[in-house]
Amino acid sequence: MIPRRTLLLQLAALTGPVSRATAASLTVPEQCRQLITVIAPAWNATRATLRRWERPDSRTPWAGAAQPIAVVLGRAGLRPGRGLHPAIPGRPAKQEGDGCSPAGLFSLDTAFGTAPKAARPSQWPWLAMTSRHAGVDDPRSRHYNRIVDRRSVQPDWTSAENMIPGSGVYRLGLVVRHNWDQQPGAGSCIFLHIWDHPEATTAGCTAMDAANLASLLQWLQPSATPLLLQLPQALATRLAWLPGAVT
């Protein structure tokens, strides 16, 4: 049986004291029954291993739900992001344009892609991309770190991602709730998406083979409250509640 520990208490042991107010809000919820782990060999690594885990309830140990797969990270590796975890001191935090994927514990938002909603690949919430959609990465915009439809908002940005790029990497994707409170400059538009090719890094997302991403989306169940845990191995090995096979 995996000890019923929280991510907060484990990371606090690694990084120093955390306030009681923070402690109350950063537990791994008991209702989380699906967990995606992305573990990299080091902070500056650009490749990592993704695994899926599931459990029927919080009293049951995590069990592997699929074979591990290779993923690629940002061109500059990992930096601590803004999610459900406490601050990770001693490392510079992720910033807009730094080329790093965020490290930490994150909830997941909508899946997206070029297929219409009726043809979505899973029961996970789906947003069909069109040429009118933009992933806003301008920290001065009120729509920073959101995918918006230009028809339904007043554009106030000078920089945004094309959500239907010619490379096809966004024909299937999943929004990661990094910096979901829209702290200006703390990083935006973090996705799980299709890789351009196995050797290509990203601007800060986590990318993988198209078939693997489709399988991941088919597995996700909204009722299971799935979370993403993305860390370098040095931190992951010291989280006692994680499945041993993670590292």
Protein backbone atom coordinates (compact mmCIF):
# COMPACT_ATOMS: atom_id res chain seq x y z
CA MET A 1 0.00 0.00 0.00
CA ILE A 2 1.39 3.41 -0.96
CA PRO A 3 1.50 5.74 2.07
CA ARG A 4 -1.27 8.34 2.02
CA ARG A 5 1.07 11.30 1.72
CA THR A 6 0.55 14.53 -0.09
CA LEU A 7 2.73 15.99 -2.79
CA LEU A 8 3.04 19.10 -0.66
CA LEU A 9 4.55 17.34 2.34
CA GLN A 10 7.00 15.43 0.18
CA LEU A 11 8.18 18.48 -1.77
CA ALA A 12 8.36 20.51 1.42
CA ALA A 13 10.93 18.04 2.72
CA LEU A 14 12.99 18.69 -0.38
CA THR A 15 12.66 22.42 -0.64
CA GLY A 16 12.06 23.89 2.81
CA PRO A 17 9.05 24.94 4.87
CA VAL A 18 5.75 25.84 3.27
CA SER A 19 2.98 27.84 4.96
CA ARG A 20 0.01 26.06 6.53
CA ALA A 21 -2.31 27.98 4.20
CA THR A 22 -0.45 26.55 1.22
CA ALA A 23 -0.49 23.09 2.76
CA ALA A 24 -4.27 23.03 2.87
CA SER A 25 -4.62 23.61 -0.86
CA LEU A 26 -1.87 21.46 -2.36
CA THR A 27 -2.70 17.89 -1.50
CA VAL A 28 -3.09 15.25 -4.16
CA PRO A 29 -6.87 14.87 -4.00
CA GLU A 30 -8.30 11.52 -3.00
CA GLN A 31 -10.59 11.68 -6.02
CA CYS A 32 -7.59 11.60 -8.37
CA ARG A 33 -7.75 8.13 -9.91
CA GLN A 34 -5.65 8.74 -13.03
CA LEU A 35 -2.11 10.09 -12.96
CA ILE A 36 0.22 10.95 -15.84
CA THR A 37 3.89 11.09 -14.89
CA VAL A 38 6.57 12.65 -17.07
CA ILE A 39 10.01 12.04 -15.57
CA ALA A 40 13.19 13.50 -17.09
CA PRO A 41 16.72 12.42 -16.13
CA ALA A 42 17.74 15.99 -15.22
CA TRP A 43 16.49 19.59 -15.15
CA ASN A 44 18.20 20.33 -18.47
CA ALA A 45 17.05 17.15 -20.21
CA THR A 46 14.97 17.52 -23.35
CA ARG A 47 13.67 13.95 -23.38
CA ALA A 48 11.60 12.16 -20.79
CA THR A 49 9.40 9.11 -20.17
CA LEU A 50 5.63 9.34 -19.83
CA ARG A 51 3.70 6.74 -17.87
CA ARG A 52 0.02 6.34 -17.07
CA TRP A 53 -1.25 5.20 -13.68
CA GLU A 54 -4.68 4.44 -12.31
CA ARG A 55 -6.35 3.31 -9.11
CA PRO A 56 -9.98 2.60 -8.20
CA ASP A 57 -9.78 4.64 -4.98
CA SER A 58 -7.29 6.44 -2.73
CA ARG A 59 -6.73 3.33 -0.58
CA THR A 60 -5.48 1.23 -3.48
CA PRO A 61 -1.90 1.38 -4.83
CA TRP A 62 -1.33 2.94 -8.23
CA ALA A 63 -1.10 0.45 -11.10
CA GLY A 64 0.41 0.96 -14.52
CA ALA A 65 -2.23 1.56 -17.19
CA ALA A 66 -0.06 1.40 -20.34
CA GLN A 67 3.48 0.91 -21.53
CA PRO A 68 5.91 3.81 -20.96
CA ILE A 69 6.41 6.11 -23.95
CA ALA A 70 9.09 8.56 -25.03
CA VAL A 71 8.28 12.28 -25.04
CA VAL A 72 10.24 15.43 -25.80
CA LEU A 73 10.32 18.58 -23.68
CA GLY A 74 11.23 22.21 -24.16
CA ARG A 75 14.55 23.02 -25.83
CA ALA A 76 15.97 24.17 -22.47
CA GLY A 77 14.61 21.33 -20.31
CA LEU A 78 12.51 21.89 -17.20
CA ARG A 79 11.90 24.78 -14.81
CA PRO A 80 9.47 24.96 -11.88
CA GLY A 81 6.04 25.96 -13.11
CA ARG A 82 2.89 27.29 -11.46
CA GLY A 83 0.40 24.57 -10.65
CA LEU A 84 -0.93 22.59 -7.68
CA HIS A 85 2.48 22.21 -6.01
CA PRO A 86 4.39 24.41 -3.57
CA ALA A 87 7.22 26.64 -4.74
CA ILE A 88 10.45 24.85 -5.61
CA PRO A 89 13.25 27.19 -4.45
CA GLY A 90 16.79 26.95 -5.72
CA ARG A 91 15.76 26.82 -9.37
CA PRO A 92 14.69 29.74 -11.58
CA ALA A 93 10.95 29.67 -12.23
CA LYS A 94 9.56 29.18 -15.70
CA GLN A 95 9.14 32.40 -17.67
CA GLU A 96 7.60 33.33 -20.99
CA GLY A 97 9.89 32.43 -23.89
CA ASP A 98 12.51 30.54 -21.85
CA GLY A 99 12.08 27.32 -23.83
CA CYS A 100 11.42 25.26 -20.68
CA SER A 101 8.64 22.85 -19.90
CA PRO A 102 7.05 23.45 -16.48
CA ALA A 103 7.87 21.08 -13.62
CA GLY A 104 5.29 20.33 -10.95
CA LEU A 105 1.78 18.98 -10.50
CA PHE A 106 -0.91 20.23 -12.85
CA SER A 107 -4.57 19.72 -13.62
CA LEU A 108 -5.73 19.37 -17.21
CA ASP A 109 -8.06 21.51 -19.27
CA THR A 110 -9.70 20.91 -22.64
CA ALA A 111 -8.35 18.72 -25.41
CA PHE A 112 -8.22 20.33 -28.83
CA GLY A 113 -7.53 19.63 -32.46
CA THR A 114 -8.71 20.00 -36.00
CA ALA A 115 -11.49 17.40 -35.80
CA PRO A 116 -15.04 18.67 -35.24
CA LYS A 117 -16.54 18.02 -31.82
CA ALA A 118 -18.71 15.23 -33.18
CA ALA A 119 -15.55 13.37 -34.23
CA ARG A 120 -13.52 14.02 -31.09
CA PRO A 121 -11.26 11.09 -30.15
CA SER A 122 -12.51 10.69 -26.56
CA GLN A 123 -15.06 11.80 -23.98
CA TRP A 124 -12.66 14.41 -22.63
CA PRO A 125 -13.87 18.02 -23.21
CA TRP A 126 -12.99 19.08 -26.75
CA LEU A 127 -12.35 22.36 -28.54
CA ALA A 128 -12.30 22.21 -32.34
CA MET A 129 -9.61 24.54 -33.69
CA THR A 130 -10.21 26.89 -36.60
CA SER A 131 -8.17 29.62 -38.24
CA ARG A 132 -9.92 32.06 -35.91
CA HIS A 133 -8.41 30.55 -32.76
CA ALA A 134 -5.32 32.00 -31.12
CA GLY A 135 -3.19 30.86 -28.21
CA VAL A 136 -2.41 34.19 -26.55
CA ASP A 137 1.18 34.51 -25.28
CA ASP A 138 1.29 38.30 -24.85
CA PRO A 139 1.64 38.89 -21.06
CA ARG A 140 -0.08 42.28 -21.40
CA SER A 141 -3.28 40.79 -22.77
CA ARG A 142 -6.31 40.06 -20.59
CA HIS A 143 -6.49 36.81 -22.55
CA TYR A 144 -2.91 35.77 -21.70
CA ASN A 145 -2.47 32.01 -21.44
CA ARG A 146 -5.82 31.20 -23.01
CA ILE A 147 -6.99 29.85 -26.36
CA VAL A 148 -9.60 32.27 -27.67
CA ASP A 149 -11.80 32.67 -30.72
CA ARG A 150 -11.16 36.06 -32.29
CA ARG A 151 -14.86 36.35 -33.11
CA SER A 152 -15.91 36.29 -29.47
CA VAL A 153 -13.33 38.58 -27.85
CA GLN A 154 -11.82 41.98 -28.48
CA PRO A 155 -8.22 41.27 -29.55
CA ASP A 156 -5.78 43.14 -27.30
CA TRP A 157 -2.60 41.16 -27.95
CA THR A 158 0.43 41.65 -30.16
CA SER A 159 1.57 38.03 -30.00
CA ALA A 160 -0.34 34.75 -30.23
CA GLU A 161 0.16 31.21 -31.43
CA ASN A 162 -1.44 29.95 -34.61
CA MET A 163 -3.51 27.01 -33.41
CA ILE A 164 -3.47 25.36 -36.84
CA PRO A 165 0.25 25.47 -37.67
CA GLY A 166 1.48 24.05 -40.95
CA SER A 167 3.57 21.47 -39.07
CA GLY A 168 0.40 19.73 -37.88
CA VAL A 169 1.64 19.42 -34.30
CA TYR A 170 -1.63 20.87 -32.96
CA ARG A 171 -3.97 18.62 -34.88
CA LEU A 172 -4.32 16.90 -31.51
CA GLY A 173 -3.48 18.39 -28.12
CA LEU A 174 -4.37 18.77 -24.45
CA VAL A 175 -4.14 21.98 -22.42
CA VAL A 176 -2.07 21.81 -19.22
CA ARG A 177 -3.17 24.23 -16.51
CA HIS A 178 0.23 25.80 -15.90
CA ASN A 179 0.01 29.41 -14.68
CA TRP A 180 -3.75 29.17 -14.86
CA ASP A 181 -4.10 32.30 -12.74
CA GLN A 182 -2.42 34.18 -15.63
CA GLN A 183 0.54 35.66 -13.79
CA PRO A 184 2.03 37.96 -16.48
CA GLY A 185 5.23 36.55 -17.94
CA ALA A 186 5.15 33.25 -16.03
CA GLY A 187 4.59 31.18 -19.17
CA SER A 188 1.64 30.38 -21.39
CA CYS A 189 0.04 27.92 -23.77
CA ILE A 190 1.50 24.73 -22.30
CA PHE A 191 0.14 21.65 -24.04
CA LEU A 192 0.63 17.96 -24.53
CA HIS A 193 0.74 17.74 -28.32
CA ILE A 194 2.07 15.78 -31.29
CA TRP A 195 5.78 16.00 -31.89
CA ASP A 196 7.19 17.28 -35.16
CA HIS A 197 9.59 14.32 -35.09
CA PRO A 198 11.24 12.30 -32.30
CA GLU A 199 14.35 14.51 -32.19
CA ALA A 200 12.53 17.86 -32.23
CA THR A 201 12.22 19.73 -28.93
CA THR A 202 9.43 22.21 -28.19
CA ALA A 203 9.09 25.79 -27.00
CA GLY A 204 7.91 24.54 -23.59
CA CYS A 205 5.29 21.88 -24.22
CA THR A 206 5.54 18.09 -23.88
CA ALA A 207 5.23 16.32 -27.23
CA MET A 208 4.87 12.73 -28.36
CA ASP A 209 3.89 10.42 -31.21
CA ALA A 210 0.37 11.05 -32.55
CA ALA A 211 -0.86 7.52 -31.87
CA ASN A 212 0.38 7.68 -28.29
CA LEU A 213 -1.37 10.99 -27.69
CA ALA A 214 -4.62 9.68 -29.16
CA SER A 215 -4.42 6.66 -26.87
CA LEU A 216 -3.78 8.90 -23.86
CA LEU A 217 -6.83 11.02 -24.64
CA GLN A 218 -9.01 7.94 -25.05
CA TRP A 219 -7.88 6.76 -21.61
CA LEU A 220 -8.65 10.00 -19.77
CA GLN A 221 -11.92 10.06 -17.82
CA PRO A 222 -13.23 13.36 -16.44
CA SER A 223 -14.72 11.56 -13.43
CA ALA A 224 -11.26 10.26 -12.47
CA THR A 225 -9.82 13.77 -11.91
CA PRO A 226 -6.58 13.06 -13.82
CA LEU A 227 -3.44 15.05 -13.01
CA LEU A 228 -0.07 15.55 -14.68
CA LEU A 229 3.10 15.23 -12.60
CA GLN A 230 6.21 16.43 -14.48
CA LEU A 231 9.54 16.36 -12.66
CA PRO A 232 13.26 15.66 -12.97
CA GLN A 233 14.24 12.27 -11.64
CA ALA A 234 16.08 13.71 -8.61
CA LEU A 235 12.78 15.00 -7.21
CA ALA A 236 10.64 12.08 -8.36
CA THR A 237 12.79 9.50 -6.58
CA ARG A 238 12.15 11.22 -3.26
CA LEU A 239 8.37 11.26 -3.47
CA ALA A 240 7.48 8.23 -1.37
CA TRP A 241 3.86 8.06 -2.51
CA LEU A 242 4.76 7.63 -6.18
CA PRO A 243 4.75 4.15 -7.75
CA GLY A 244 8.26 2.75 -7.58
CA ALA A 245 8.35 2.04 -11.31
CA VAL A 246 8.15 5.78 -12.05
CA THR A 247 11.88 6.15 -11.62
